[in-house]
Amino acid sequence: MRARIAICLLFAALGLTNAAWSSRTVGQWSAVYATDSAGANAALAAGIYTAFTVAILAVRLVGDLIMRRVAVRTFLQWSLLIAALGIATVIL
């Protein structure tokens, strides 16, 4: 039983580390990508970073409330769709 708990804690720690790492990476490199690769000016690059930060804050504040009202599967499907649209917007 202790081994199972240890494995669960290990995966939870890895998941949290990955979430923090990916969030921090996007935060650091979004403005660099916008200016160097996409040709945006500094003001637009700052706006992109701000929009990302506000989106993360909004999801963290209301994500649990939404999950209580809809099924987990529906929540994950909508999350995937919104993430895919965001990535497509950045790439295109």
N, C-alpha and C. Protein backbone atom coordinates (compact mmCIF):
# COMPACT_ATOMS: atom_id res chain seq x y z
N MET A 1 0.82 -1.19 0.00
CA MET A 1 0.00 0.00 0.00
C MET A 1 0.87 1.26 0.00
N ARG A 2 1.93 1.25 0.77
CA ARG A 2 2.82 2.41 0.82
C ARG A 2 3.50 2.65 -0.51
N ALA A 3 3.82 1.57 -1.20
CA ALA A 3 4.45 1.71 -2.52
C ALA A 3 3.49 2.37 -3.50
N ARG A 4 2.22 2.02 -3.43
CA ARG A 4 1.22 2.62 -4.31
C ARG A 4 1.07 4.11 -4.02
N ILE A 5 1.05 4.48 -2.76
CA ILE A 5 0.95 5.89 -2.39
C ILE A 5 2.19 6.64 -2.86
N ALA A 6 3.35 6.03 -2.70
CA ALA A 6 4.59 6.67 -3.14
C ALA A 6 4.59 6.89 -4.65
N ILE A 7 4.10 5.92 -5.40
CA ILE A 7 4.03 6.06 -6.86
C ILE A 7 3.05 7.16 -7.24
N CYS A 8 1.90 7.21 -6.58
CA CYS A 8 0.92 8.27 -6.85
C CYS A 8 1.50 9.65 -6.53
N LEU A 9 2.20 9.76 -5.43
CA LEU A 9 2.83 11.04 -5.08
C LEU A 9 3.91 11.43 -6.07
N LEU A 10 4.65 10.44 -6.55
CA LEU A 10 5.68 10.71 -7.55
C LEU A 10 5.06 11.24 -8.84
N PHE A 11 3.99 10.59 -9.32
CA PHE A 11 3.33 11.06 -10.54
C PHE A 11 2.69 12.43 -10.33
N ALA A 12 2.15 12.69 -9.16
CA ALA A 12 1.58 14.01 -8.88
C ALA A 12 2.67 15.07 -8.91
N ALA A 13 3.81 14.77 -8.31
CA ALA A 13 4.93 15.72 -8.31
C ALA A 13 5.44 15.96 -9.73
N LEU A 14 5.53 14.90 -10.52
CA LEU A 14 5.97 15.06 -11.91
C LEU A 14 4.97 15.88 -12.71
N GLY A 15 3.69 15.66 -12.49
CA GLY A 15 2.66 16.44 -13.19
C GLY A 15 2.71 17.90 -12.82
N LEU A 16 2.85 18.19 -11.53
CA LEU A 16 2.94 19.58 -11.09
C LEU A 16 4.19 20.26 -11.62
N THR A 17 5.30 19.53 -11.63
CA THR A 17 6.54 20.07 -12.16
C THR A 17 6.40 20.38 -13.63
N ASN A 18 5.79 19.47 -14.37
CA ASN A 18 5.59 19.69 -15.80
C ASN A 18 4.68 20.88 -16.05
N ALA A 19 3.62 21.02 -15.28
CA ALA A 19 2.71 22.15 -15.44
C ALA A 19 3.42 23.47 -15.16
N ALA A 20 4.19 23.52 -14.10
CA ALA A 20 4.92 24.74 -13.76
C ALA A 20 5.97 25.06 -14.82
N TRP A 21 6.66 24.04 -15.29
CA TRP A 21 7.70 24.24 -16.29
C TRP A 21 7.12 24.74 -17.60
N SER A 22 6.05 24.11 -18.06
CA SER A 22 5.49 24.52 -19.35
C SER A 22 4.86 25.91 -19.26
N SER A 23 4.22 26.22 -18.17
CA SER A 23 3.65 27.56 -18.00
C SER A 23 4.74 28.62 -17.98
N ARG A 24 5.79 28.35 -17.28
CA ARG A 24 6.91 29.30 -17.20
C ARG A 24 7.60 29.46 -18.56
N THR A 25 7.74 28.37 -19.30
CA THR A 25 8.38 28.42 -20.60
C THR A 25 7.57 29.27 -21.57
N VAL A 26 6.27 29.06 -21.60
CA VAL A 26 5.42 29.86 -22.48
C VAL A 26 5.51 31.33 -22.08
N GLY A 27 5.49 31.59 -20.79
CA GLY A 27 5.59 32.96 -20.33
C GLY A 27 6.88 33.64 -20.75
N GLN A 28 7.97 32.91 -20.70
CA GLN A 28 9.26 33.50 -21.03
C GLN A 28 9.46 33.67 -22.53
N TRP A 29 8.96 32.73 -23.31
CA TRP A 29 9.29 32.73 -24.73
C TRP A 29 8.19 33.27 -25.63
N SER A 30 7.02 33.59 -25.10
CA SER A 30 5.95 34.08 -25.97
C SER A 30 6.30 35.42 -26.61
N ALA A 31 6.85 36.31 -25.85
CA ALA A 31 7.22 37.62 -26.41
C ALA A 31 8.40 37.49 -27.37
N VAL A 32 9.34 36.61 -27.06
CA VAL A 32 10.48 36.40 -27.95
C VAL A 32 10.01 35.84 -29.28
N TYR A 33 9.13 34.85 -29.25
CA TYR A 33 8.59 34.27 -30.48
C TYR A 33 7.83 35.32 -31.28
N ALA A 34 7.00 36.09 -30.58
CA ALA A 34 6.18 37.09 -31.28
C ALA A 34 7.04 38.13 -32.00
N THR A 35 8.12 38.56 -31.37
CA THR A 35 8.95 39.59 -32.01
C THR A 35 9.90 39.00 -33.04
N ASP A 36 10.55 37.90 -32.74
CA ASP A 36 11.56 37.35 -33.65
C ASP A 36 10.95 36.57 -34.81
N SER A 37 10.01 35.70 -34.55
CA SER A 37 9.47 34.83 -35.60
C SER A 37 8.25 35.39 -36.29
N ALA A 38 7.37 36.01 -35.54
CA ALA A 38 6.12 36.50 -36.12
C ALA A 38 6.21 37.95 -36.57
N GLY A 39 7.28 38.64 -36.22
CA GLY A 39 7.47 40.02 -36.66
C GLY A 39 6.61 41.05 -35.95
N ALA A 40 6.14 40.73 -34.75
CA ALA A 40 5.32 41.68 -34.00
C ALA A 40 6.21 42.72 -33.33
N ASN A 41 5.62 43.88 -33.08
CA ASN A 41 6.38 44.90 -32.35
C ASN A 41 6.35 44.60 -30.85
N ALA A 42 7.09 45.36 -30.09
CA ALA A 42 7.22 45.08 -28.65
C ALA A 42 5.89 45.23 -27.91
N ALA A 43 5.07 46.20 -28.32
CA ALA A 43 3.79 46.40 -27.64
C ALA A 43 2.86 45.20 -27.86
N LEU A 44 2.82 44.68 -29.09
CA LEU A 44 1.98 43.52 -29.36
C LEU A 44 2.51 42.29 -28.63
N ALA A 45 3.82 42.13 -28.58
CA ALA A 45 4.41 41.00 -27.86
C ALA A 45 4.05 41.06 -26.37
N ALA A 46 4.07 42.24 -25.80
CA ALA A 46 3.68 42.39 -24.40
C ALA A 46 2.20 42.08 -24.21
N GLY A 47 1.39 42.46 -25.18
CA GLY A 47 -0.04 42.16 -25.12
C GLY A 47 -0.30 40.66 -25.19
N ILE A 48 0.48 39.95 -26.02
CA ILE A 48 0.33 38.50 -26.12
C ILE A 48 0.65 37.84 -24.78
N TYR A 49 1.73 38.27 -24.16
CA TYR A 49 2.10 37.71 -22.86
C TYR A 49 1.03 38.03 -21.81
N THR A 50 0.50 39.23 -21.85
CA THR A 50 -0.55 39.62 -20.90
C THR A 50 -1.81 38.78 -21.11
N ALA A 51 -2.19 38.56 -22.37
CA ALA A 51 -3.37 37.74 -22.66
C ALA A 51 -3.18 36.32 -22.15
N PHE A 52 -1.98 35.76 -22.33
CA PHE A 52 -1.69 34.42 -21.82
C PHE A 52 -1.83 34.38 -20.30
N THR A 53 -1.26 35.37 -19.64
CA THR A 53 -1.31 35.41 -18.18
C THR A 53 -2.74 35.55 -17.67
N VAL A 54 -3.54 36.39 -18.32
CA VAL A 54 -4.93 36.56 -17.91
C VAL A 54 -5.73 35.28 -18.15
N ALA A 55 -5.45 34.59 -19.26
CA ALA A 55 -6.15 33.33 -19.54
C ALA A 55 -5.82 32.28 -18.48
N ILE A 56 -4.56 32.18 -18.11
CA ILE A 56 -4.16 31.23 -17.06
C ILE A 56 -4.86 31.58 -15.74
N LEU A 57 -4.89 32.85 -15.39
CA LEU A 57 -5.54 33.27 -14.16
C LEU A 57 -7.02 32.93 -14.19
N ALA A 58 -7.69 33.20 -15.30
CA ALA A 58 -9.12 32.92 -15.41
C ALA A 58 -9.42 31.44 -15.24
N VAL A 59 -8.63 30.60 -15.89
CA VAL A 59 -8.85 29.16 -15.79
C VAL A 59 -8.59 28.67 -14.37
N ARG A 60 -7.58 29.20 -13.74
CA ARG A 60 -7.29 28.78 -12.36
C ARG A 60 -8.37 29.22 -11.39
N LEU A 61 -8.99 30.37 -11.65
CA LEU A 61 -10.02 30.87 -10.76
C LEU A 61 -11.36 30.17 -10.94
N VAL A 62 -11.73 29.86 -12.18
CA VAL A 62 -13.07 29.30 -12.41
C VAL A 62 -13.06 27.86 -12.89
N GLY A 63 -11.90 27.26 -13.08
CA GLY A 63 -11.83 25.89 -13.59
C GLY A 63 -12.55 24.89 -12.70
N ASP A 64 -12.37 24.98 -11.42
CA ASP A 64 -13.03 24.05 -10.50
C ASP A 64 -14.54 24.25 -10.49
N LEU A 65 -14.98 25.50 -10.59
CA LEU A 65 -16.42 25.76 -10.63
C LEU A 65 -17.04 25.15 -11.88
N ILE A 66 -16.36 25.27 -13.00
CA ILE A 66 -16.88 24.70 -14.25
C ILE A 66 -16.91 23.18 -14.15
N MET A 67 -15.86 22.59 -13.59
CA MET A 67 -15.82 21.12 -13.48
C MET A 67 -16.92 20.57 -12.59
N ARG A 68 -17.38 21.35 -11.64
CA ARG A 68 -18.49 20.90 -10.78
C ARG A 68 -19.81 20.87 -11.54
N ARG A 69 -19.92 21.71 -12.57
CA ARG A 69 -21.19 21.84 -13.29
C ARG A 69 -21.28 20.94 -14.53
N VAL A 70 -20.15 20.56 -15.09
CA VAL A 70 -20.17 19.71 -16.28
C VAL A 70 -19.37 18.44 -16.00
N ALA A 71 -19.55 17.47 -16.86
CA ALA A 71 -18.81 16.22 -16.72
C ALA A 71 -17.33 16.44 -17.04
N VAL A 72 -16.49 15.65 -16.43
CA VAL A 72 -15.05 15.78 -16.63
C VAL A 72 -14.70 15.60 -18.10
N ARG A 73 -15.31 14.64 -18.74
CA ARG A 73 -15.04 14.39 -20.16
C ARG A 73 -15.37 15.61 -21.01
N THR A 74 -16.52 16.22 -20.77
CA THR A 74 -16.91 17.42 -21.51
C THR A 74 -15.94 18.56 -21.25
N PHE A 75 -15.55 18.72 -20.01
CA PHE A 75 -14.59 19.77 -19.66
C PHE A 75 -13.27 19.57 -20.39
N LEU A 76 -12.78 18.35 -20.41
CA LEU A 76 -11.51 18.06 -21.08
C LEU A 76 -11.62 18.24 -22.60
N GLN A 77 -12.75 17.86 -23.18
CA GLN A 77 -12.94 18.04 -24.61
C GLN A 77 -12.94 19.52 -24.99
N TRP A 78 -13.65 20.32 -24.22
CA TRP A 78 -13.67 21.77 -24.50
C TRP A 78 -12.29 22.39 -24.25
N SER A 79 -11.61 21.93 -23.23
CA SER A 79 -10.27 22.44 -22.95
C SER A 79 -9.32 22.14 -24.10
N LEU A 80 -9.40 20.92 -24.62
CA LEU A 80 -8.56 20.53 -25.75
C LEU A 80 -8.89 21.37 -26.98
N LEU A 81 -10.16 21.60 -27.25
CA LEU A 81 -10.56 22.41 -28.40
C LEU A 81 -10.05 23.84 -28.27
N ILE A 82 -10.20 24.43 -27.11
CA ILE A 82 -9.74 25.80 -26.90
C ILE A 82 -8.22 25.89 -27.01
N ALA A 83 -7.52 24.91 -26.45
CA ALA A 83 -6.06 24.89 -26.55
C ALA A 83 -5.62 24.75 -28.00
N ALA A 84 -6.27 23.88 -28.76
CA ALA A 84 -5.93 23.68 -30.17
C ALA A 84 -6.17 24.96 -30.97
N LEU A 85 -7.26 25.65 -30.69
CA LEU A 85 -7.53 26.92 -31.37
C LEU A 85 -6.48 27.97 -31.02
N GLY A 86 -6.06 28.00 -29.77
CA GLY A 86 -5.02 28.94 -29.37
C GLY A 86 -3.70 28.66 -30.05
N ILE A 87 -3.33 27.39 -30.12
CA ILE A 87 -2.08 27.01 -30.80
C ILE A 87 -2.16 27.32 -32.28
N ALA A 88 -3.30 27.01 -32.90
CA ALA A 88 -3.46 27.30 -34.33
C ALA A 88 -3.39 28.80 -34.60
N THR A 89 -3.94 29.60 -33.71
CA THR A 89 -3.88 31.06 -33.86
C THR A 89 -2.44 31.55 -33.81
N VAL A 90 -1.65 31.01 -32.92
CA VAL A 90 -0.26 31.43 -32.81
C VAL A 90 0.55 31.00 -34.02
N ILE A 91 0.34 29.77 -34.46
CA ILE A 91 1.14 29.24 -35.57
C ILE A 91 0.75 29.90 -36.88
N LEU A 92 -0.52 30.11 -37.10
CA LEU A 92 -0.96 30.69 -38.37
C LEU A 92 -0.86 32.19 -38.31
